[in-house]
Amino acid sequence: MIISTGMRTDIPAFYPKWFDNRLKEGFVCVRNPYYKNQVTKYILNPSVVDCICFCTKNPTPIIPYLDGELSKYRQFWFVTITAYSKDYEPNVPDKTKVIKAFIEISKRVGPNGIHWRYDPIFYGNGYDKQRHIEEFTKIATALKGYTNSCVISILDLYEKVKRNAP
């Protein structure tokens, strides 16, 4: 079984202690978002969990938990690091802090177990092609040897995005 933690919230950023407690207890209950009365209990045990996947913009809060219960599990990480500053991502820590945490995780899971996401790419308000190239280069240089992959995407302004992020 593969446990994916990044579909509804950023667990490494906001709920690392809760997640550690779930690993210690050996199970997690998940409510179906479409059928509120349907709750599924999943066993969290290395004998049945093949891998835990994380998707985060801020892995720093989970760092103290990496050597505990979580160390018993195979892990796969997607960490988003982009050019954007507090003007677009006010709740994301400074890139240098995220890069430091990225490297710390990579040292534990290896460069194939952690992938960098540089997405979405959009232009405007000081974020032009040149700035993205410069920032991408800086981040790539800092992560050299700590990952073997980078996923990028271009912002697609479909209706939900227009509604949620005008």
Protein backbone atom coordinates (compact mmCIF):
# COMPACT_ATOMS: atom_id res chain seq x y z
CA MET A 1 0.00 0.00 0.00
CA ILE A 2 1.17 3.54 -0.76
CA ILE A 3 0.10 6.31 1.60
CA SER A 4 -0.17 9.69 -0.12
CA THR A 5 -0.32 12.55 2.36
CA GLY A 6 -0.51 15.54 0.04
CA MET A 7 -3.95 15.44 -1.48
CA ARG A 8 -5.84 17.60 1.02
CA THR A 9 -3.31 19.39 3.19
CA ASP A 10 0.41 19.86 3.71
CA ILE A 11 1.01 17.39 6.55
CA PRO A 12 4.79 17.96 6.86
CA ALA A 13 4.20 21.72 7.22
CA PHE A 14 1.13 21.78 9.45
CA TYR A 15 0.61 18.41 11.13
CA PRO A 16 3.93 16.62 11.69
CA LYS A 17 3.23 15.81 15.36
CA TRP A 18 -0.25 14.49 14.52
CA PHE A 19 1.24 12.32 11.76
CA ASP A 20 3.95 11.02 14.09
CA ASN A 21 1.22 10.11 16.61
CA ARG A 22 -0.70 8.27 13.87
CA LEU A 23 2.43 6.25 13.05
CA LYS A 24 2.91 5.43 16.75
CA GLU A 25 -0.74 4.36 17.07
CA GLY A 26 -0.46 2.28 13.89
CA PHE A 27 -3.53 3.56 12.07
CA VAL A 28 -5.22 6.60 10.59
CA CYS A 29 -8.92 7.25 9.95
CA VAL A 30 -9.76 9.18 6.80
CA ARG A 31 -13.11 10.78 6.08
CA ASN A 32 -14.36 10.61 2.51
CA PRO A 33 -14.71 14.27 1.37
CA TYR A 34 -17.74 13.42 -0.78
CA TYR A 35 -19.57 11.17 1.70
CA LYS A 36 -19.00 12.71 5.14
CA ASN A 37 -20.32 9.68 7.01
CA GLN A 38 -17.87 7.31 5.32
CA VAL A 39 -14.66 6.91 7.31
CA THR A 40 -11.96 4.42 6.37
CA LYS A 41 -9.36 3.11 8.80
CA TYR A 42 -5.92 2.48 7.28
CA ILE A 43 -3.27 0.42 9.05
CA LEU A 44 0.07 2.22 9.31
CA ASN A 45 2.71 -0.45 9.70
CA PRO A 46 5.89 -1.01 7.68
CA SER A 47 4.70 -4.55 6.94
CA VAL A 48 1.73 -3.24 4.93
CA VAL A 49 2.87 0.25 3.86
CA ASP A 50 5.26 0.11 0.91
CA CYS A 51 5.90 3.86 0.84
CA ILE A 52 4.69 7.14 2.31
CA CYS A 53 4.54 9.99 -0.19
CA PHE A 54 4.76 13.61 0.90
CA CYS A 55 4.03 16.76 -1.07
CA THR A 56 4.99 19.97 0.69
CA LYS A 57 6.12 23.57 0.36
CA ASN A 58 7.58 23.55 3.86
CA PRO A 59 9.20 20.34 5.10
CA THR A 60 10.98 22.11 7.98
CA PRO A 61 8.45 21.24 10.75
CA ILE A 62 8.72 17.49 10.10
CA ILE A 63 12.54 17.39 10.31
CA PRO A 64 12.57 16.56 14.08
CA TYR A 65 10.39 13.51 13.35
CA LEU A 66 12.52 11.97 10.58
CA ASP A 67 14.58 9.80 12.92
CA GLY A 68 11.56 8.51 14.84
CA GLU A 69 8.67 6.35 13.64
CA LEU A 70 8.91 7.76 10.12
CA SER A 71 12.40 6.29 9.67
CA LYS A 72 10.86 2.80 9.57
CA TYR A 73 9.08 3.59 6.28
CA ARG A 74 10.21 4.06 2.70
CA GLN A 75 9.50 7.66 1.74
CA PHE A 76 9.04 9.63 -1.44
CA TRP A 77 9.03 13.42 -1.30
CA PHE A 78 7.90 16.19 -3.63
CA VAL A 79 9.10 19.55 -2.29
CA THR A 80 8.02 22.74 -4.06
CA ILE A 81 10.60 25.54 -4.21
CA THR A 82 9.94 28.44 -6.57
CA ALA A 83 10.98 32.01 -7.29
CA TYR A 84 7.99 33.49 -5.49
CA SER A 85 8.42 35.55 -2.37
CA LYS A 86 6.02 36.61 0.38
CA ASP A 87 4.09 38.69 -2.15
CA TYR A 88 2.58 35.51 -3.61
CA GLU A 89 3.27 32.92 -0.93
CA PRO A 90 3.04 34.70 2.43
CA ASN A 91 2.93 31.48 4.46
CA VAL A 92 5.88 29.75 2.83
CA PRO A 93 9.23 30.21 4.57
CA ASP A 94 12.24 31.70 2.87
CA LYS A 95 13.76 29.49 0.15
CA THR A 96 17.01 29.06 2.05
CA LYS A 97 15.15 27.42 4.94
CA VAL A 98 13.23 25.09 2.62
CA ILE A 99 16.43 24.20 0.71
CA LYS A 100 18.14 23.35 4.00
CA ALA A 101 15.27 21.02 4.96
CA PHE A 102 15.27 19.52 1.45
CA ILE A 103 18.95 18.64 1.81
CA GLU A 104 18.37 17.17 5.26
CA ILE A 105 15.64 14.89 3.91
CA SER A 106 17.74 13.93 0.89
CA LYS A 107 20.56 12.80 3.17
CA ARG A 108 18.11 10.32 4.72
CA VAL A 109 16.13 9.09 1.69
CA GLY A 110 18.71 9.63 -1.08
CA PRO A 111 18.44 11.77 -4.22
CA ASN A 112 15.99 9.36 -5.88
CA GLY A 113 13.61 9.63 -2.91
CA ILE A 114 13.11 13.39 -3.10
CA HIS A 115 12.05 15.41 -6.10
CA TRP A 116 11.96 19.14 -6.56
CA ARG A 117 8.87 20.88 -7.91
CA TYR A 118 9.25 24.31 -9.51
CA ASP A 119 5.66 25.06 -10.26
CA PRO A 120 3.60 26.76 -11.30
CA ILE A 121 5.51 29.16 -13.50
CA PHE A 122 3.71 32.38 -14.32
CA TYR A 123 4.75 35.82 -15.51
CA GLY A 124 3.73 39.13 -14.04
CA ASN A 125 4.39 41.53 -11.17
CA GLY A 126 8.18 41.24 -11.44
CA TYR A 127 8.27 37.55 -12.28
CA ASP A 128 9.44 37.51 -15.87
CA LYS A 129 11.32 34.89 -17.87
CA GLN A 130 14.73 36.20 -16.78
CA ARG A 131 13.85 36.16 -13.08
CA HIS A 132 12.61 32.58 -13.34
CA ILE A 133 15.80 31.52 -15.12
CA GLU A 134 17.94 33.19 -12.44
CA GLU A 135 15.97 31.77 -9.50
CA PHE A 136 15.74 28.31 -11.05
CA THR A 137 19.51 28.32 -11.57
CA LYS A 138 20.18 29.35 -7.96
CA ILE A 139 17.90 26.67 -6.56
CA ALA A 140 19.21 23.99 -8.93
CA THR A 141 22.77 24.82 -7.90
CA ALA A 142 21.86 24.53 -4.20
CA LEU A 143 20.13 21.17 -4.75
CA LYS A 144 22.83 19.65 -6.98
CA GLY A 145 23.56 16.14 -5.79
CA TYR A 146 20.52 16.04 -3.51
CA THR A 147 17.89 15.19 -6.13
CA ASN A 148 17.80 13.69 -9.60
CA SER A 149 14.53 15.21 -10.70
CA CYS A 150 12.71 18.49 -11.15
CA VAL A 151 9.09 18.81 -12.20
CA ILE A 152 7.91 22.09 -13.70
CA SER A 153 4.56 23.36 -14.90
CA ILE A 154 3.13 26.47 -16.46
CA LEU A 155 0.13 28.06 -14.76
CA ASP A 156 -3.11 27.15 -16.49
CA LEU A 157 -5.77 29.74 -15.71
CA TYR A 158 -8.80 27.48 -15.69
CA GLU A 159 -11.97 28.67 -13.95
CA LYS A 160 -11.22 27.31 -10.47
CA VAL A 161 -7.81 29.02 -10.45
CA LYS A 162 -9.37 32.30 -11.59
CA ARG A 163 -11.91 32.04 -8.77
CA ASN A 164 -9.45 31.12 -6.03
CA ALA A 165 -6.46 33.29 -6.96
CA PRO A 166 -7.54 36.41 -8.77
